[in-house]
Every structure is written in structure tokens, then in C-alpha cells.
């Protein structure tokens, strides 16, 4: 059955991105392998608590000027990724303590509790605890 294996996130620097996602958000570093034939790294991360079968994020370093233009704006200013949690208060507090920049404060919506944060490049993310 088809499924999403990876989502590419264009980054400026592998190590800075790893420091943010793994160091601040608690993501798991799944792979960090140098690929000499393409002079790049294969860097995969997974949200904390996600299963081995879950979709991973490929940190893809921009290698051309036209790719660099999309760093931090992969969704045209809209929320790009949605990080679901089973404990909004816990994760919001942990991200705040780690220095995450909140763009919109926590709010209760019909679907659950949500707040918007920016990653190290400015991409917008929802931290969301869905109802039910």
C-alpha cells in the first residue's frame, strides 16, 4: 500500500537543523549518512515517540540559489507542518523552555488545542492536540 515515507524540508545547514529539531524539539535523529557521489548528507529525523514506520523528515540542504529562496518559506507563509501531541501543555512548556519562538499563542479550536511556532528558518508549524 502506498504511503508517505519522507517529507523534504529545505535547510541552510545540516548541523544547525539537527541542533534545532533534535536539541530543542526532541526529535530523533534516524540517519545522518554522507553520500560522497552527491556531496550531501542523508539526514532523517522523526518526531519524538513516533513509530519506526512513521513518515520521517529529510533535512535537505539547499544546493542551488533557487532552492535557497525557499528556506523558511516552503508553504508560502502558511503553516507548513503539523506536530500532533498527546499532551499540549507538556510540549508547549518544553518548547518554550528550549527557546522556541511562538507566532500565535495557544488557542482552543473546535478540533483541539493549538499554537503556532516558527522553526529556526521561519517555517510555521502547528503544535496541536486534537480532540478525542
N, C-alpha and C. Protein backbone atom coordinates (compact mmCIF):
# COMPACT_ATOMS: atom_id res chain seq x y z
N UNK A 1 0.85 -1.17 0.00
CA UNK A 1 0.00 0.00 0.00
C UNK A 1 0.90 1.24 0.00
N UNK A 2 0.67 2.20 -0.88
CA UNK A 2 1.48 3.42 -0.89
C UNK A 2 1.31 4.22 0.41
N UNK A 3 2.39 4.86 0.80
CA UNK A 3 2.37 5.75 1.97
C UNK A 3 3.50 6.75 1.85
N UNK A 4 3.40 7.85 2.59
CA UNK A 4 4.48 8.83 2.59
C UNK A 4 5.63 8.28 3.41
N UNK A 5 6.80 8.22 2.81
CA UNK A 5 7.98 7.73 3.51
C UNK A 5 8.73 8.90 4.16
N UNK A 6 8.97 9.96 3.38
CA UNK A 6 9.72 11.11 3.86
C UNK A 6 9.10 12.39 3.32
N UNK A 7 9.27 13.47 4.06
CA UNK A 7 8.93 14.81 3.60
C UNK A 7 10.22 15.61 3.62
N UNK A 8 10.56 16.25 2.51
CA UNK A 8 11.80 17.03 2.44
C UNK A 8 11.58 18.42 3.02
N UNK A 9 12.49 18.84 3.86
CA UNK A 9 12.49 20.17 4.45
C UNK A 9 13.81 20.83 4.05
N UNK A 10 13.74 21.87 3.24
CA UNK A 10 14.95 22.53 2.76
C UNK A 10 15.57 23.35 3.89
N UNK A 11 16.85 23.11 4.14
CA UNK A 11 17.57 23.77 5.23
C UNK A 11 18.85 24.42 4.70
N UNK A 12 19.37 25.36 5.48
CA UNK A 12 20.61 26.03 5.11
C UNK A 12 21.83 25.21 5.53
N UNK A 13 21.71 24.57 6.70
CA UNK A 13 22.86 23.87 7.27
C UNK A 13 22.36 22.62 8.02
N UNK A 14 22.95 21.49 7.71
CA UNK A 14 22.52 20.25 8.37
C UNK A 14 22.66 20.31 9.88
N UNK A 15 23.82 20.72 10.36
CA UNK A 15 24.08 20.67 11.79
C UNK A 15 23.22 21.65 12.58
N UNK A 16 22.99 22.84 12.03
CA UNK A 16 22.08 23.79 12.69
C UNK A 16 20.66 23.22 12.77
N UNK A 17 20.22 22.58 11.69
CA UNK A 17 18.88 22.00 11.66
C UNK A 17 18.77 20.84 12.65
N UNK A 18 19.79 20.00 12.72
CA UNK A 18 19.79 18.90 13.70
C UNK A 18 19.75 19.47 15.11
N UNK A 19 20.53 20.50 15.38
CA UNK A 19 20.54 21.10 16.71
C UNK A 19 19.16 21.61 17.09
N UNK A 20 18.43 22.20 16.15
CA UNK A 20 17.10 22.72 16.44
C UNK A 20 16.10 21.58 16.65
N UNK A 21 15.98 20.72 15.66
CA UNK A 21 14.94 19.69 15.72
C UNK A 21 15.21 18.62 16.77
N UNK A 22 16.44 18.19 16.89
CA UNK A 22 16.78 17.17 17.88
C UNK A 22 17.01 17.81 19.24
N UNK A 23 17.79 18.89 19.26
CA UNK A 23 18.14 19.54 20.53
C UNK A 23 17.00 20.28 21.19
N UNK A 24 16.25 21.06 20.41
CA UNK A 24 15.17 21.87 21.01
C UNK A 24 13.82 21.17 21.02
N UNK A 25 13.50 20.45 19.95
CA UNK A 25 12.17 19.85 19.86
C UNK A 25 12.14 18.39 20.29
N UNK A 26 13.30 17.79 20.49
CA UNK A 26 13.34 16.41 20.96
C UNK A 26 13.10 15.36 19.90
N UNK A 27 13.24 15.72 18.62
CA UNK A 27 13.10 14.75 17.55
C UNK A 27 14.22 13.71 17.66
N UNK A 28 14.01 12.57 17.03
CA UNK A 28 15.00 11.50 16.98
C UNK A 28 15.77 11.62 15.68
N UNK A 29 17.09 11.55 15.76
CA UNK A 29 17.93 11.51 14.56
C UNK A 29 17.94 10.06 14.08
N UNK A 30 17.33 9.80 12.95
CA UNK A 30 17.18 8.45 12.40
C UNK A 30 18.40 8.07 11.57
N UNK A 31 18.89 9.01 10.77
CA UNK A 31 20.03 8.73 9.89
C UNK A 31 20.80 10.02 9.64
N UNK A 32 22.10 9.90 9.53
CA UNK A 32 22.97 11.00 9.13
C UNK A 32 24.15 10.37 8.41
N UNK A 33 23.99 10.21 7.12
CA UNK A 33 24.98 9.48 6.31
C UNK A 33 25.48 10.36 5.17
N UNK A 34 26.79 10.45 5.03
CA UNK A 34 27.39 11.22 3.94
C UNK A 34 27.30 10.43 2.64
N UNK A 35 26.89 11.10 1.59
CA UNK A 35 26.80 10.49 0.26
C UNK A 35 27.80 11.18 -0.65
N UNK A 36 28.97 10.59 -0.75
CA UNK A 36 30.10 11.21 -1.45
C UNK A 36 29.79 11.52 -2.91
N UNK A 37 29.07 10.62 -3.59
CA UNK A 37 28.82 10.81 -5.03
C UNK A 37 27.99 12.06 -5.31
N UNK A 38 27.23 12.54 -4.31
CA UNK A 38 26.43 13.74 -4.49
C UNK A 38 26.87 14.87 -3.57
N UNK A 39 27.91 14.64 -2.78
CA UNK A 39 28.43 15.61 -1.82
C UNK A 39 27.31 16.20 -0.96
N UNK A 40 26.53 15.29 -0.38
CA UNK A 40 25.45 15.71 0.51
C UNK A 40 25.29 14.66 1.60
N UNK A 41 24.46 15.00 2.57
CA UNK A 41 24.15 14.06 3.64
C UNK A 41 22.69 13.63 3.55
N UNK A 42 22.45 12.40 3.93
CA UNK A 42 21.10 11.85 4.03
C UNK A 42 20.74 11.93 5.51
N UNK A 43 19.99 12.98 5.87
CA UNK A 43 19.67 13.24 7.27
C UNK A 43 18.16 13.11 7.45
N UNK A 44 17.77 12.12 8.25
CA UNK A 44 16.36 11.88 8.54
C UNK A 44 16.11 12.09 10.02
N UNK A 45 14.98 12.75 10.33
CA UNK A 45 14.55 12.94 11.72
C UNK A 45 13.11 12.47 11.84
N UNK A 46 12.74 12.15 13.08
CA UNK A 46 11.38 11.68 13.35
C UNK A 46 10.91 12.34 14.64
N UNK A 47 9.64 12.76 14.71
CA UNK A 47 9.14 13.35 15.95
C UNK A 47 9.29 12.38 17.13
N UNK A 48 9.44 12.93 18.32
CA UNK A 48 9.58 12.05 19.49
C UNK A 48 8.35 11.17 19.66
N UNK A 49 8.59 9.91 19.97
CA UNK A 49 7.51 8.99 20.20
C UNK A 49 6.91 8.36 18.95
N UNK A 50 7.32 8.81 17.77
CA UNK A 50 6.78 8.24 16.53
C UNK A 50 7.34 6.84 16.32
N UNK A 51 6.56 6.00 15.69
CA UNK A 51 6.99 4.63 15.42
C UNK A 51 8.01 4.60 14.29
N UNK A 52 8.68 3.47 14.15
CA UNK A 52 9.66 3.30 13.08
C UNK A 52 9.03 3.40 11.70
N UNK A 53 7.73 3.13 11.61
CA UNK A 53 7.04 3.17 10.32
C UNK A 53 6.52 4.57 9.98
N UNK A 54 6.63 5.51 10.91
CA UNK A 54 6.09 6.86 10.70
C UNK A 54 6.89 7.58 9.61
N UNK A 55 6.22 8.51 8.96
CA UNK A 55 6.88 9.37 7.98
C UNK A 55 8.00 10.14 8.67
N UNK A 56 9.14 10.24 8.01
CA UNK A 56 10.26 11.00 8.55
C UNK A 56 10.43 12.28 7.75
N UNK A 57 11.20 13.19 8.32
CA UNK A 57 11.54 14.44 7.63
C UNK A 57 12.98 14.32 7.15
N UNK A 58 13.17 14.55 5.86
CA UNK A 58 14.50 14.58 5.27
C UNK A 58 14.99 16.02 5.31
N UNK A 59 16.06 16.26 6.05
CA UNK A 59 16.66 17.60 6.08
C UNK A 59 17.52 17.73 4.83
N UNK A 60 17.05 18.49 3.86
CA UNK A 60 17.67 18.61 2.55
C UNK A 60 18.36 19.97 2.43
N UNK A 61 19.68 19.97 2.48
CA UNK A 61 20.43 21.23 2.38
C UNK A 61 20.27 21.81 0.98
N UNK A 62 19.93 23.09 0.94
CA UNK A 62 19.82 23.78 -0.35
C UNK A 62 21.17 23.75 -1.04
N UNK A 63 21.16 23.36 -2.30
CA UNK A 63 22.42 23.26 -3.04
C UNK A 63 22.47 24.18 -4.25
N UNK A 64 21.41 24.93 -4.49
CA UNK A 64 21.33 25.86 -5.61
C UNK A 64 20.67 27.15 -5.14
N UNK A 65 20.99 28.28 -5.76
CA UNK A 65 20.37 29.54 -5.35
C UNK A 65 18.84 29.50 -5.39
N UNK A 66 18.26 28.85 -6.37
CA UNK A 66 16.80 28.79 -6.45
C UNK A 66 16.19 27.97 -5.31
N UNK A 67 16.95 27.04 -4.75
CA UNK A 67 16.48 26.29 -3.58
C UNK A 67 16.60 27.14 -2.32
N UNK A 68 17.65 27.91 -2.22
CA UNK A 68 17.87 28.76 -1.05
C UNK A 68 16.72 29.74 -0.84
N UNK A 69 16.08 30.15 -1.92
CA UNK A 69 14.97 31.10 -1.82
C UNK A 69 13.79 30.53 -1.05
N UNK A 70 13.71 29.21 -0.92
CA UNK A 70 12.57 28.58 -0.23
C UNK A 70 12.87 28.20 1.21
N UNK A 71 14.09 28.41 1.66
CA UNK A 71 14.41 28.12 3.05
C UNK A 71 13.55 29.02 3.93
N UNK A 72 12.79 28.41 4.81
CA UNK A 72 11.94 29.17 5.72
C UNK A 72 10.61 29.60 5.16
N UNK A 73 10.34 29.29 3.91
CA UNK A 73 9.07 29.71 3.31
C UNK A 73 8.56 28.63 2.37
N UNK A 74 8.62 27.40 2.80
CA UNK A 74 8.24 26.29 1.94
C UNK A 74 6.75 26.23 1.66
N UNK A 75 5.95 26.89 2.48
CA UNK A 75 4.49 26.85 2.28
C UNK A 75 3.93 28.24 1.99
N UNK A 76 4.77 29.14 1.52
CA UNK A 76 4.28 30.46 1.14
C UNK A 76 3.71 31.27 2.28
N UNK A 77 4.25 31.08 3.49
CA UNK A 77 3.81 31.84 4.65
C UNK A 77 2.70 31.18 5.45
N UNK A 78 2.19 30.06 4.97
CA UNK A 78 1.17 29.31 5.72
C UNK A 78 1.84 28.32 6.65
N UNK A 79 1.07 27.78 7.58
CA UNK A 79 1.60 26.69 8.40
C UNK A 79 1.98 25.55 7.46
N UNK A 80 3.17 25.04 7.65
CA UNK A 80 3.72 24.03 6.74
C UNK A 80 3.55 22.62 7.29
N UNK A 81 3.85 22.43 8.56
CA UNK A 81 3.79 21.10 9.16
C UNK A 81 3.00 21.15 10.45
N UNK A 82 2.39 20.03 10.79
CA UNK A 82 1.52 19.92 11.95
C UNK A 82 2.07 18.84 12.87
N UNK A 83 2.51 19.26 14.05
CA UNK A 83 3.10 18.34 15.01
C UNK A 83 2.05 18.01 16.05
N UNK A 84 1.50 16.79 15.97
CA UNK A 84 0.47 16.36 16.91
C UNK A 84 1.11 15.92 18.22
N UNK A 85 0.43 16.19 19.30
CA UNK A 85 0.91 15.81 20.62
C UNK A 85 -0.22 15.19 21.42
N UNK A 86 0.16 14.36 22.39
CA UNK A 86 -0.84 13.80 23.30
C UNK A 86 -0.91 14.59 24.60
N UNK A 87 -0.03 15.62 24.73
CA UNK A 87 -0.02 16.45 25.93
C UNK A 87 0.45 17.85 25.54
N UNK A 88 -0.50 18.67 25.16
CA UNK A 88 -0.18 20.02 24.66
C UNK A 88 0.60 20.82 25.70
N UNK A 89 0.13 20.85 26.93
CA UNK A 89 0.77 21.67 27.97
C UNK A 89 2.23 21.26 28.19
N UNK A 90 2.48 19.98 28.26
CA UNK A 90 3.85 19.47 28.44
C UNK A 90 4.77 19.94 27.32
N UNK A 91 4.33 19.73 26.08
CA UNK A 91 5.20 20.05 24.95
C UNK A 91 5.32 21.56 24.73
N UNK A 92 4.24 22.29 24.95
CA UNK A 92 4.32 23.75 24.83
C UNK A 92 5.32 24.30 25.85
N UNK A 93 5.26 23.81 27.08
CA UNK A 93 6.19 24.25 28.12
C UNK A 93 7.63 23.87 27.79
N UNK A 94 7.84 22.65 27.29
CA UNK A 94 9.19 22.20 26.95
C UNK A 94 9.76 23.02 25.79
N UNK A 95 8.95 23.28 24.77
CA UNK A 95 9.42 24.07 23.63
C UNK A 95 9.71 25.50 24.05
N UNK A 96 8.87 26.05 24.90
CA UNK A 96 9.08 27.41 25.40
C UNK A 96 10.39 27.48 26.18
N UNK A 97 10.63 26.51 27.06
CA UNK A 97 11.87 26.47 27.83
C UNK A 97 13.10 26.32 26.94
N UNK A 98 12.93 25.68 25.78
CA UNK A 98 14.03 25.49 24.84
C UNK A 98 14.25 26.71 23.95
N UNK A 99 13.40 27.72 24.08
CA UNK A 99 13.57 28.95 23.31
C UNK A 99 12.85 28.99 21.98
N UNK A 100 11.87 28.12 21.79
CA UNK A 100 11.10 28.13 20.54
C UNK A 100 10.32 29.44 20.45
N UNK A 101 10.27 30.01 19.24
CA UNK A 101 9.55 31.27 19.00
C UNK A 101 8.09 30.97 18.66
N UNK A 102 7.18 31.45 19.50
CA UNK A 102 5.75 31.26 19.27
C UNK A 102 5.21 32.41 18.44
N UNK A 103 4.54 32.10 17.37
CA UNK A 103 3.96 33.10 16.47
C UNK A 103 2.52 33.40 16.87
N UNK A 104 1.80 32.36 17.28
CA UNK A 104 0.44 32.50 17.79
C UNK A 104 0.33 31.73 19.09
N UNK A 105 -0.24 32.35 20.11
CA UNK A 105 -0.34 31.69 21.42
C UNK A 105 -1.35 30.54 21.39
N UNK A 106 -1.32 29.72 22.42
CA UNK A 106 -2.28 28.62 22.49
C UNK A 106 -3.72 29.11 22.37
N UNK A 107 -4.51 28.34 21.66
CA UNK A 107 -5.94 28.65 21.49
C UNK A 107 -6.71 27.34 21.41
N UNK A 108 -7.92 27.39 21.90
CA UNK A 108 -8.80 26.23 21.79
C UNK A 108 -9.65 26.41 20.55
N UNK A 109 -9.60 25.43 19.68
CA UNK A 109 -10.36 25.44 18.43
C UNK A 109 -11.33 24.25 18.46
N UNK A 110 -12.27 24.20 17.55
CA UNK A 110 -13.21 23.06 17.55
C UNK A 110 -12.52 21.70 17.45
N UNK A 111 -11.35 21.65 16.80
CA UNK A 111 -10.64 20.39 16.60
C UNK A 111 -9.65 20.07 17.71
N UNK A 112 -9.32 21.06 18.58
CA UNK A 112 -8.38 20.80 19.65
C UNK A 112 -7.66 22.05 20.09
N UNK A 113 -6.55 21.87 20.81
CA UNK A 113 -5.75 22.99 21.28
C UNK A 113 -4.53 23.13 20.38
N UNK A 114 -4.20 24.39 20.01
CA UNK A 114 -3.17 24.61 19.00
C UNK A 114 -2.42 25.90 19.29
N UNK A 115 -1.15 25.92 18.93
CA UNK A 115 -0.32 27.13 18.92
C UNK A 115 0.61 27.01 17.73
N UNK A 116 1.03 28.13 17.19
CA UNK A 116 1.89 28.15 16.01
C UNK A 116 3.28 28.61 16.42
N UNK A 117 4.29 27.87 15.99
CA UNK A 117 5.68 28.26 16.23
C UNK A 117 6.45 28.29 14.93
N UNK A 118 7.58 28.99 14.96
CA UNK A 118 8.47 29.07 13.81
C UNK A 118 9.70 28.22 14.07
N UNK A 119 10.15 27.50 13.06
CA UNK A 119 11.39 26.76 13.21
C UNK A 119 12.57 27.71 13.04
N UNK A 120 13.77 27.20 13.04
CA UNK A 120 14.94 28.06 13.01
C UNK A 120 15.04 28.88 11.73
N UNK A 121 14.33 28.51 10.68
CA UNK A 121 14.38 29.26 9.43
C UNK A 121 13.14 30.10 9.19
N UNK A 122 12.11 29.91 10.02
CA UNK A 122 10.89 30.69 9.86
C UNK A 122 9.70 29.91 9.32
N UNK A 123 9.89 28.63 8.96
CA UNK A 123 8.74 27.82 8.57
C UNK A 123 7.77 27.75 9.74
N UNK A 124 6.49 27.81 9.45
CA UNK A 124 5.48 27.77 10.50
C UNK A 124 4.99 26.35 10.73
N UNK A 125 4.85 26.03 12.01
CA UNK A 125 4.38 24.72 12.45
C UNK A 125 3.22 24.92 13.41
N UNK A 126 2.25 24.01 13.39
CA UNK A 126 1.26 23.91 14.44
C UNK A 126 1.71 22.86 15.43
N UNK A 127 1.66 23.20 16.71
CA UNK A 127 1.69 22.20 17.77
C UNK A 127 0.23 22.01 18.12
N UNK A 128 -0.29 20.80 17.96
CA UNK A 128 -1.72 20.61 18.12
C UNK A 128 -2.03 19.32 18.87
N UNK A 129 -2.94 19.45 19.81
CA UNK A 129 -3.50 18.27 20.47
C UNK A 129 -4.95 18.17 20.01
N UNK A 130 -5.21 17.18 19.18
CA UNK A 130 -6.53 17.01 18.61
C UNK A 130 -7.50 16.47 19.65
N UNK A 131 -8.76 16.87 19.53
CA UNK A 131 -9.81 16.34 20.41
C UNK A 131 -10.01 14.86 20.13
N UNK A 132 -10.42 14.16 21.17
CA UNK A 132 -10.89 12.80 21.04
C UNK A 132 -9.87 11.81 20.76
